[in-house]
Amino acid sequence: MALALLEEGCIVATKGKTEAVVRLESISIDGYRSCRGTTFLPNADLSALIGINGAGKTNVLQGIRLLDQRRSRGARRVTEELSRSGSVEVTAWLRVDGAKVGLRVALSLLDSGRRSDEFVSVNELWQLEAFTGSKTWTPMPPAALLRDGSRAAESVDSQFILFESEMIRYDARHRNYDKFDASILRNKAAIDALVAVSEFRSGISYYSASQFTDPSRCPSSFEVDEEGRLNEPYLPGSGSAHLRFLHDLYGLRRSNEGLYAEYCRFVSRQQLGLISRLTWKEIELSSSTAEVRSSGPVKKIKKRKTLVVPKVQIGTSHITFNQLSEGTFKTLALAFYIITDSSKFLMIEEPEVCVHHGLLRRIVETIKAYSHRKQTIISTHSDLLVDDLEPKHVFVVEMTTSGTRVTGLDGWLDKGGREALHSYLAESGPLGEYWRSGGLT
């Protein structure tokens, strides 16, 4: 159940409402790896992080991922075998249809010897001055309690009681909800903004540089049930990004023929020139099982499953995905997620890895085109990629004595450097070539 306040005009965000435009305007990351007081003001559509190895580009991307509320739901208590690696604070300012919303996330991360981050505790505070007139940072209920509920309350006091009872189910032991002012729940504009930001945070997608390398890890087939869901042992948790890509591609073919056809045209000989066509061989399998019903005898039910064998046609050859070259496979996967990923915020680490130079420009143009729909950040070492970008899209990442620093080109170059860059772009060549010539070092 969720908390819904329908009295006195307090109505939560409703279905059918025009989707709010949310953009990350600035983010400050403190205490996370090399990010110590690191501030980044991304472009509203596309931002590219450039810098030498070890400057902290990946740390900035991973620091932004800490905003993804899906990753914090598994926060757990520290055991004797594990220790805290320290506290991290991430402060983000977002624009929601032009209104400014602040979010401050304080996290304790776990040092467990693993490469991935594990959360011990998460505390969130919000600043909603644009809607309330107050600069106070305050805790708020999860958007799930504000968005889909149908329960009504008779007064602010009863609203707060309902809220507290609901929070038991959402494991609020790490949050300071005793400081929450329930009267804000009557502010429809504030609630709509909170829901929009929550959906933005739940739509953060990240693709690492190595995610789609080594196509040999891709299975030659997989099984699905009648609903198209993966069967054991093919579940994504036990597989790889390669399997998820195949299953997502298969799912798109079943659910959205138009978008699937658009993707196939894009990667075909007509445009990217990667493949001739995709084929899917489906072999129907069946198995029987038994279900015991308390109101009657054992009833046998039949569950059907399908073995799916995807293949790629290149010229006259039909091959499985694990026989593709690394560059072709990664380009197919990247193009798929750039076009079809419904996320609100997309991050891609080094999209040039394993991608042929001849294809890279098309990938960059695709990223640029779709960045108007979803804010996108990439990191890169490729001057060829930077060739197709404008100075406003490029941010220099440096390692300083105080940690990682991110600076837009206009702020990073002095007056003479800016004049030299503008002169070069007007008379000589593109931005990546200026980088190659040493103009950005």
Protein backbone atom coordinates (compact mmCIF):
# COMPACT_ATOMS: atom_id res chain seq x y z
CA MET A 1 0.00 0.00 0.00
CA ALA A 2 1.07 3.59 -0.51
CA LEU A 3 0.26 6.90 1.08
CA ALA A 4 -2.13 9.06 -0.91
CA LEU A 5 -3.57 12.34 0.25
CA LEU A 6 -6.68 13.19 -1.73
CA GLU A 7 -8.31 15.66 0.65
CA GLU A 8 -8.15 19.43 0.40
CA GLY A 9 -6.69 19.36 -3.09
CA CYS A 10 -3.62 17.31 -2.19
CA ILE A 11 -3.49 14.91 -5.14
CA VAL A 12 -0.35 13.03 -6.05
CA ALA A 13 1.14 12.79 -9.54
CA THR A 14 -1.35 11.04 -11.77
CA LYS A 15 -1.14 8.85 -14.83
CA GLY A 16 -1.73 10.67 -18.06
CA LYS A 17 0.05 13.79 -16.85
CA THR A 18 2.61 15.20 -19.28
CA GLU A 19 5.96 13.73 -18.32
CA ALA A 20 8.17 16.19 -16.47
CA VAL A 21 11.53 17.12 -17.98
CA VAL A 22 14.26 16.42 -15.43
CA ARG A 23 17.92 17.30 -15.90
CA LEU A 24 20.91 16.97 -13.58
CA GLU A 25 22.25 20.51 -13.29
CA SER A 26 25.14 19.96 -10.88
CA ILE A 27 26.54 17.27 -8.64
CA SER A 28 29.12 17.37 -5.84
CA ILE A 29 30.75 14.14 -4.71
CA ASP A 30 32.74 14.05 -1.46
CA GLY A 31 34.52 11.04 0.03
CA TYR A 32 34.07 8.62 -2.86
CA ARG A 33 37.35 7.15 -4.11
CA SER A 34 39.33 10.03 -5.67
CA CYS A 35 36.32 12.37 -5.59
CA ARG A 36 36.87 14.70 -2.64
CA GLY A 37 34.76 17.78 -3.02
CA THR A 38 34.47 17.08 -6.76
CA THR A 39 31.86 19.25 -8.48
CA PHE A 40 30.55 18.62 -11.99
CA LEU A 41 28.10 20.82 -13.91
CA PRO A 42 27.04 18.62 -16.83
CA ASN A 43 25.53 19.85 -20.06
CA ALA A 44 21.75 19.50 -20.28
CA ASP A 45 22.04 16.98 -23.10
CA LEU A 46 25.53 15.56 -23.78
CA SER A 47 28.73 15.75 -21.73
CA ALA A 48 32.06 14.09 -22.54
CA LEU A 49 34.71 13.56 -19.88
CA ILE A 50 38.28 13.57 -21.20
CA GLY A 51 41.54 13.13 -19.33
CA ILE A 52 44.49 10.83 -18.83
CA ASN A 53 44.24 7.41 -17.19
CA GLY A 54 44.00 7.70 -13.42
CA ALA A 55 42.44 11.16 -13.46
CA GLY A 56 39.16 9.80 -12.07
CA LYS A 57 36.73 9.75 -15.00
CA THR A 58 35.29 6.38 -13.98
CA ASN A 59 35.07 7.51 -10.36
CA VAL A 60 32.96 10.49 -11.41
CA LEU A 61 30.58 8.23 -13.36
CA GLN A 62 30.38 5.77 -10.48
CA GLY A 63 29.83 8.64 -8.06
CA ILE A 64 26.84 9.79 -10.10
CA ARG A 65 25.51 6.23 -9.97
CA LEU A 66 25.22 6.60 -6.20
CA LEU A 67 22.09 8.66 -6.93
CA ASP A 68 20.42 5.55 -8.36
CA GLN A 69 17.97 4.67 -5.60
CA ARG A 70 17.68 1.10 -6.86
CA ARG A 71 21.25 0.46 -5.69
CA SER A 72 20.61 1.67 -2.14
CA ARG A 73 17.62 -0.53 -1.34
CA GLY A 74 19.86 -3.36 -0.22
CA ALA A 75 21.58 -1.33 2.49
CA ARG A 76 22.54 -3.68 5.31
CA ARG A 77 24.11 -3.66 8.73
CA VAL A 78 27.85 -4.08 9.23
CA THR A 79 28.98 -7.48 10.55
CA GLU A 80 32.19 -8.24 12.41
CA GLU A 81 33.79 -9.64 9.26
CA LEU A 82 33.20 -6.43 7.30
CA SER A 83 34.25 -2.86 7.88
CA ARG A 84 33.13 0.55 6.73
CA SER A 85 35.25 2.22 4.09
CA GLY A 86 34.02 5.67 5.09
CA SER A 87 31.18 8.09 4.55
CA VAL A 88 30.23 9.56 1.21
CA GLU A 89 28.05 12.57 0.54
CA VAL A 90 26.53 13.34 -2.85
CA THR A 91 24.67 16.60 -3.37
CA ALA A 92 22.73 17.02 -6.60
CA TRP A 93 20.74 19.91 -7.96
CA LEU A 94 18.17 19.04 -10.59
CA ARG A 95 15.81 21.03 -12.80
CA VAL A 96 12.26 19.72 -12.92
CA ASP A 97 10.38 21.59 -15.64
CA GLY A 98 12.58 24.60 -14.82
CA ALA A 99 12.18 24.41 -11.03
CA LYS A 100 15.27 23.67 -8.94
CA VAL A 101 15.27 20.67 -6.57
CA GLY A 102 18.11 19.70 -4.24
CA LEU A 103 18.92 16.16 -3.13
CA ARG A 104 21.61 15.27 -0.61
CA VAL A 105 22.46 11.59 -0.18
CA ALA A 106 24.74 10.53 2.68
CA LEU A 107 25.98 6.94 2.39
CA SER A 108 28.16 4.57 4.32
CA LEU A 109 29.87 2.13 2.00
CA LEU A 110 31.23 -1.27 2.86
CA ASP A 111 34.81 -2.38 2.40
CA SER A 112 34.20 -6.04 1.58
CA GLY A 113 37.08 -6.68 -0.77
CA ARG A 114 34.76 -6.63 -3.77
CA ARG A 115 35.00 -4.23 -6.68
CA SER A 116 31.34 -3.21 -6.51
CA ASP A 117 30.00 -0.79 -3.91
CA GLU A 118 27.92 -2.18 -1.07
CA PHE A 119 25.72 0.12 0.97
CA VAL A 120 25.55 -0.01 4.76
CA SER A 121 23.23 2.94 5.26
CA VAL A 122 21.60 5.65 3.19
CA ASN A 123 20.14 8.95 4.38
CA GLU A 124 18.40 11.35 2.01
CA LEU A 125 17.44 15.00 2.46
CA TRP A 126 15.59 17.23 0.00
CA GLN A 127 15.53 20.97 -0.60
CA LEU A 128 12.29 22.17 -2.16
CA GLU A 129 12.53 25.95 -1.85
CA ALA A 130 11.08 26.42 -5.34
CA PHE A 131 7.81 24.92 -4.08
CA THR A 132 7.76 25.64 -0.34
CA GLY A 133 9.81 28.82 0.05
CA SER A 134 11.96 27.09 2.68
CA LYS A 135 15.69 26.44 2.30
CA THR A 136 15.54 23.67 4.92
CA TRP A 137 16.81 20.23 3.90
CA THR A 138 14.16 17.72 4.93
CA PRO A 139 13.59 13.94 4.66
CA MET A 140 10.79 12.79 2.41
CA PRO A 141 8.88 9.54 1.88
CA PRO A 142 9.95 7.31 -1.01
CA ALA A 143 8.12 8.31 -4.17
CA ALA A 144 6.42 4.89 -4.22
CA LEU A 145 4.38 6.07 -1.23
CA LEU A 146 3.41 9.26 -3.04
CA ARG A 147 2.69 8.02 -6.53
CA ASP A 148 0.38 5.03 -6.69
CA GLY A 149 -1.67 4.95 -3.49
CA SER A 150 -5.37 5.36 -2.92
CA ARG A 151 -5.59 5.89 0.86
CA ALA A 152 -6.88 9.18 2.18
CA ALA A 153 -6.25 10.86 5.53
CA GLU A 154 -8.50 13.20 7.49
CA SER A 155 -5.81 15.51 8.89
CA VAL A 156 -2.11 16.26 8.84
CA ASP A 157 -1.72 14.24 12.06
CA SER A 158 -3.39 11.19 10.57
CA GLN A 159 -1.35 11.67 7.39
CA PHE A 160 1.81 11.45 9.44
CA ILE A 161 0.58 8.35 11.29
CA LEU A 162 -0.19 6.67 7.99
CA PHE A 163 3.20 7.67 6.70
CA GLU A 164 5.02 6.21 9.72
CA SER A 165 3.13 2.91 9.48
CA GLU A 166 3.90 2.62 5.79
CA MET A 167 7.61 3.30 6.39
CA ILE A 168 7.91 0.14 8.46
CA ARG A 169 7.54 -1.77 5.21
CA TYR A 170 10.18 0.38 3.51
CA ASP A 171 12.88 -0.20 6.17
CA ALA A 172 13.46 3.37 7.28
CA ARG A 173 15.90 2.69 10.11
CA HIS A 174 18.65 4.69 8.40
CA ARG A 175 16.57 7.79 7.70
CA ASN A 176 15.71 10.77 9.92
CA TYR A 177 11.97 10.68 9.37
CA ASP A 178 11.28 12.05 12.83
CA LYS A 179 12.19 15.45 11.30
CA PHE A 180 9.67 15.12 8.50
CA ASP A 181 7.01 17.84 8.16
CA ALA A 182 3.89 16.07 6.96
CA SER A 183 2.29 19.34 5.82
CA ILE A 184 4.44 19.25 2.68
CA LEU A 185 2.32 16.35 1.50
CA ARG A 186 -0.41 18.90 0.73
CA ASN A 187 1.85 20.61 -1.83
CA LYS A 188 0.92 18.96 -5.12
CA ALA A 189 3.68 20.69 -7.14
CA ALA A 190 6.33 19.53 -4.66
CA ILE A 191 5.00 15.96 -4.70
CA ASP A 192 4.94 15.90 -8.51
CA ALA A 193 8.56 17.10 -8.54
CA LEU A 194 9.62 14.44 -6.03
CA VAL A 195 7.98 11.72 -8.10
CA ALA A 196 9.64 13.03 -11.28
CA VAL A 197 13.08 13.05 -9.67
CA SER A 198 12.49 9.56 -8.29
CA GLU A 199 11.65 8.27 -11.76
CA PHE A 200 14.75 10.03 -13.09
CA ARG A 201 16.91 8.32 -10.46
CA SER A 202 15.35 4.95 -11.17
CA GLY A 203 16.16 5.45 -14.83
CA ILE A 204 19.94 5.82 -14.57
CA SER A 205 21.71 3.43 -16.95
CA TYR A 206 25.44 2.76 -17.03
CA TYR A 207 27.47 0.83 -19.59
CA SER A 208 31.11 0.14 -18.79
CA ALA A 209 33.94 -0.01 -21.30
CA SER A 210 34.29 -3.79 -20.97
CA GLN A 211 30.61 -4.69 -20.67
CA PHE A 212 30.18 -6.03 -24.20
CA THR A 213 33.70 -7.23 -24.96
CA ASP A 214 34.57 -10.91 -25.55
CA PRO A 215 31.54 -12.13 -27.57
CA SER A 216 32.53 -15.74 -26.83
CA ARG A 217 30.78 -15.25 -23.47
CA CYS A 218 27.49 -14.92 -25.33
CA PRO A 219 25.33 -18.09 -25.28
CA SER A 220 24.26 -19.59 -28.58
CA SER A 221 20.71 -20.13 -27.27
CA PHE A 222 18.47 -19.50 -24.27
CA GLU A 223 15.11 -20.69 -22.93
CA VAL A 224 12.05 -18.57 -22.21
CA ASP A 225 8.65 -19.32 -20.71
CA GLU A 226 5.27 -18.53 -22.22
CA GLU A 227 5.60 -14.88 -21.18
CA GLY A 228 9.04 -14.54 -22.77
CA ARG A 229 10.87 -14.54 -19.42
CA LEU A 230 14.21 -16.28 -19.09
CA ASN A 231 14.15 -19.75 -17.55
CA GLU A 232 16.76 -21.11 -15.20
CA PRO A 233 19.71 -21.40 -15.61
CA TYR A 234 19.46 -18.47 -18.00
CA LEU A 235 18.49 -15.79 -15.49
CA PRO A 236 20.50 -12.54 -15.87
CA GLY A 237 21.80 -12.74 -12.31
CA SER A 238 23.71 -15.88 -13.16
CA GLY A 239 24.64 -14.81 -16.68
CA SER A 240 26.27 -11.85 -18.31
CA ALA A 241 25.48 -8.59 -20.02
CA HIS A 242 25.76 -10.53 -23.27
CA LEU A 243 22.79 -12.74 -22.39
CA ARG A 244 20.79 -9.77 -21.18
CA PHE A 245 21.41 -8.07 -24.51
CA LEU A 246 20.14 -11.10 -26.47
CA HIS A 247 17.07 -11.44 -24.26
CA ASP A 248 16.32 -7.70 -24.40
CA LEU A 249 16.62 -7.79 -28.19
CA TYR A 250 14.31 -10.82 -28.35
CA GLY A 251 11.87 -9.08 -26.01
CA LEU A 252 11.79 -5.97 -28.19
CA ARG A 253 10.98 -8.12 -31.22
CA ARG A 254 7.97 -9.52 -29.35
CA SER A 255 6.76 -6.29 -27.77
CA ASN A 256 7.50 -3.48 -30.21
CA GLU A 257 7.75 -4.46 -33.86
CA GLY A 258 8.17 -0.87 -35.02
CA LEU A 259 11.14 -0.07 -32.77
CA TYR A 260 12.67 -3.48 -33.49
CA ALA A 261 12.43 -2.79 -37.23
CA GLU A 262 14.01 0.64 -36.69
CA TYR A 263 16.94 -0.94 -34.87
CA CYS A 264 17.38 -3.62 -37.55
CA ARG A 265 17.44 -0.97 -40.28
CA PHE A 266 20.00 1.06 -38.34
CA VAL A 267 22.50 -1.81 -37.95
CA SER A 268 21.85 -3.24 -41.41
CA ARG A 269 23.81 -2.73 -44.62
CA GLN A 270 21.60 0.28 -45.34
CA GLN A 271 23.06 2.35 -42.49
CA LEU A 272 25.78 1.09 -40.13
CA GLY A 273 26.59 -1.74 -42.49
CA LEU A 274 27.14 -4.31 -39.74
CA ILE A 275 24.81 -7.15 -40.71
CA SER A 276 22.33 -8.23 -43.36
CA ARG A 277 19.58 -9.39 -40.99
CA LEU A 278 18.75 -11.04 -37.67
CA THR A 279 16.97 -14.40 -37.45
CA TRP A 280 15.36 -16.17 -34.51
CA LYS A 281 14.76 -19.91 -34.50
CA GLU A 282 12.19 -20.86 -31.88
CA ILE A 283 11.89 -24.50 -30.82
CA GLU A 284 8.82 -25.25 -28.74
CA LEU A 285 9.46 -27.45 -25.70
CA SER A 286 7.04 -28.57 -23.01
CA SER A 287 7.19 -30.06 -19.53
CA SER A 288 4.58 -31.16 -17.05
CA THR A 289 4.45 -30.49 -13.35
CA ALA A 290 1.97 -31.01 -10.52
CA GLU A 291 0.30 -28.49 -8.26
CA VAL A 292 -1.43 -29.46 -5.00
CA ARG A 293 -4.62 -27.54 -4.29
CA SER A 294 -6.00 -27.43 -0.75
CA SER A 295 -9.60 -27.48 -2.00
CA GLY A 296 -9.20 -30.51 -4.22
CA PRO A 297 -6.99 -33.27 -5.60
CA VAL A 298 -3.60 -32.82 -7.21
CA LYS A 299 -3.99 -31.10 -10.51
CA LYS A 300 -1.41 -31.43 -13.26
CA ILE A 301 -0.65 -28.35 -15.26
CA LYS A 302 1.49 -28.09 -18.36
CA LYS A 303 4.07 -25.34 -18.69
CA ARG A 304 5.46 -24.56 -22.09
CA LYS A 305 8.89 -23.21 -22.77
CA THR A 306 10.75 -22.20 -25.89
CA LEU A 307 14.37 -22.64 -26.89
CA VAL A 308 15.48 -19.52 -28.78
CA VAL A 309 18.45 -19.68 -31.16
CA PRO A 310 19.38 -16.19 -32.44
CA LYS A 311 21.59 -15.85 -35.49
CA VAL A 312 23.13 -13.07 -37.53
CA GLN A 313 23.26 -13.07 -41.30
CA ILE A 314 26.28 -11.35 -42.83
CA GLY A 315 26.22 -11.73 -46.58
CA THR A 316 25.45 -15.39 -47.20
CA SER A 317 26.78 -16.57 -43.81
CA HIS A 318 24.55 -17.31 -40.83
CA ILE A 319 26.47 -17.25 -37.53
CA THR A 320 25.65 -17.09 -33.83
CA PHE A 321 26.33 -13.95 -31.82
CA ASN A 322 29.34 -15.53 -30.09
CA GLN A 323 31.05 -15.87 -33.47
CA LEU A 324 30.92 -12.13 -34.17
CA SER A 325 33.99 -9.94 -33.95
CA GLU A 326 34.36 -7.94 -30.75
CA GLY A 327 33.80 -4.63 -32.54
CA THR A 328 30.66 -5.81 -34.34
CA PHE A 329 29.13 -7.29 -31.20
CA LYS A 330 29.82 -4.22 -29.06
CA THR A 331 28.49 -1.88 -31.74
CA LEU A 332 25.29 -3.94 -32.04
CA ALA A 333 24.80 -3.86 -28.28
CA LEU A 334 25.63 -0.17 -27.83
CA ALA A 335 23.38 0.86 -30.72
CA PHE A 336 20.55 -1.22 -29.26
CA TYR A 337 20.68 0.39 -25.82
CA ILE A 338 21.23 3.92 -27.12
CA ILE A 339 18.11 3.60 -29.28
CA THR A 340 15.84 1.53 -27.04
CA ASP A 341 16.94 2.25 -23.45
CA SER A 342 14.06 4.12 -21.82
CA SER A 343 16.28 5.51 -19.07
CA LYS A 344 16.22 9.17 -18.11
CA PHE A 345 19.98 9.40 -17.69
CA LEU A 346 22.55 7.44 -19.68
CA MET A 347 26.27 6.99 -18.95
CA ILE A 348 28.66 5.19 -21.31
CA GLU A 349 32.27 4.56 -20.42
CA GLU A 350 34.63 4.73 -23.42
CA PRO A 351 32.20 3.88 -26.23
CA GLU A 352 35.16 3.75 -28.62
CA VAL A 353 36.60 0.55 -27.10
CA CYS A 354 36.63 -2.22 -29.73
CA VAL A 355 34.64 -0.06 -32.16
CA HIS A 356 36.11 0.43 -35.62
CA HIS A 357 37.02 4.03 -36.39
CA GLY A 358 34.71 3.99 -39.39
CA LEU A 359 31.75 3.16 -37.14
CA LEU A 360 32.64 5.45 -34.27
CA ARG A 361 31.35 8.60 -35.95
CA ARG A 362 27.95 6.98 -36.55
CA ILE A 363 27.79 5.86 -32.92
CA VAL A 364 28.66 9.38 -31.74
CA GLU A 365 26.02 10.92 -33.99
CA THR A 366 23.47 8.48 -32.59
CA ILE A 367 24.46 9.32 -29.01
CA LYS A 368 24.13 13.03 -29.79
CA ALA A 369 20.72 12.58 -31.40
CA TYR A 370 19.28 10.63 -28.47
CA SER A 371 20.88 12.87 -25.82
CA HIS A 372 18.11 15.38 -26.48
CA ARG A 373 15.68 12.80 -25.09
CA LYS A 374 17.82 11.60 -22.18
CA GLN A 375 20.73 13.38 -20.58
CA THR A 376 23.92 11.52 -21.51
CA ILE A 377 27.47 11.46 -20.14
CA ILE A 378 30.33 9.60 -21.77
CA SER A 379 33.99 9.24 -20.89
CA THR A 380 36.54 8.88 -23.65
CA HIS A 381 40.20 8.71 -24.65
CA SER A 382 39.34 9.09 -28.32
CA ASP A 383 40.24 12.29 -30.13
CA LEU A 384 38.23 10.97 -33.08
CA LEU A 385 35.14 10.92 -30.91
CA VAL A 386 35.84 14.46 -29.68
CA ASP A 387 36.12 15.59 -33.33
CA ASP A 388 32.32 15.46 -33.54
CA LEU A 389 31.65 17.40 -30.34
CA GLU A 390 31.31 21.08 -29.55
CA PRO A 391 33.46 22.71 -26.81
CA LYS A 392 30.39 23.05 -24.55
CA HIS A 393 30.12 19.25 -24.46
CA VAL A 394 33.69 18.61 -23.30
CA PHE A 395 34.89 18.51 -19.68
CA VAL A 396 38.50 17.99 -18.60
CA VAL A 397 39.06 15.59 -15.69
CA GLU A 398 42.30 16.04 -13.75
CA MET A 399 43.89 14.53 -10.68
CA THR A 400 45.00 17.28 -8.32
CA THR A 401 46.53 17.21 -4.83
CA SER A 402 43.01 17.52 -3.41
CA GLY A 403 41.45 14.84 -5.62
CA THR A 404 39.62 14.62 -8.94
CA ARG A 405 38.55 17.89 -10.53
CA VAL A 406 36.08 18.29 -13.43
CA THR A 407 36.12 21.51 -15.43
CA GLY A 408 34.34 22.63 -18.61
CA LEU A 409 36.64 23.79 -21.39
CA ASP A 410 35.73 27.45 -20.95
CA GLY A 411 36.68 27.27 -17.29
CA TRP A 412 39.73 25.08 -17.83
CA LEU A 413 41.38 27.21 -20.52
CA ASP A 414 42.68 30.67 -19.72
CA LYS A 415 41.71 33.63 -21.89
CA GLY A 416 44.56 33.02 -24.32
CA GLY A 417 43.72 29.33 -24.55
CA ARG A 418 40.06 30.06 -25.29
CA GLU A 419 41.01 32.50 -28.02
CA ALA A 420 43.44 30.00 -29.55
CA LEU A 421 40.81 27.25 -29.47
CA HIS A 422 38.12 29.38 -31.07
CA SER A 423 40.55 30.52 -33.75
CA TYR A 424 41.61 26.94 -34.46
CA LEU A 425 38.04 25.68 -34.74
CA ALA A 426 37.10 28.52 -37.07
CA GLU A 427 40.11 28.20 -39.38
CA SER A 428 41.87 24.86 -39.06
CA GLY A 429 40.05 21.78 -37.83
CA PRO A 430 37.79 20.02 -35.32
CA LEU A 431 38.13 19.83 -31.56
CA GLY A 432 39.66 16.35 -31.48
CA GLU A 433 42.41 17.44 -33.83
CA TYR A 434 43.17 20.36 -31.52
CA TRP A 435 43.43 17.82 -28.68
CA ARG A 436 45.77 15.65 -30.77
CA SER A 437 47.99 18.62 -31.43
CA GLY A 438 48.46 19.21 -27.70
CA GLY A 439 46.13 22.18 -27.40
CA LEU A 440 44.26 20.66 -24.45
CA THR A 441 47.29 19.57 -22.42
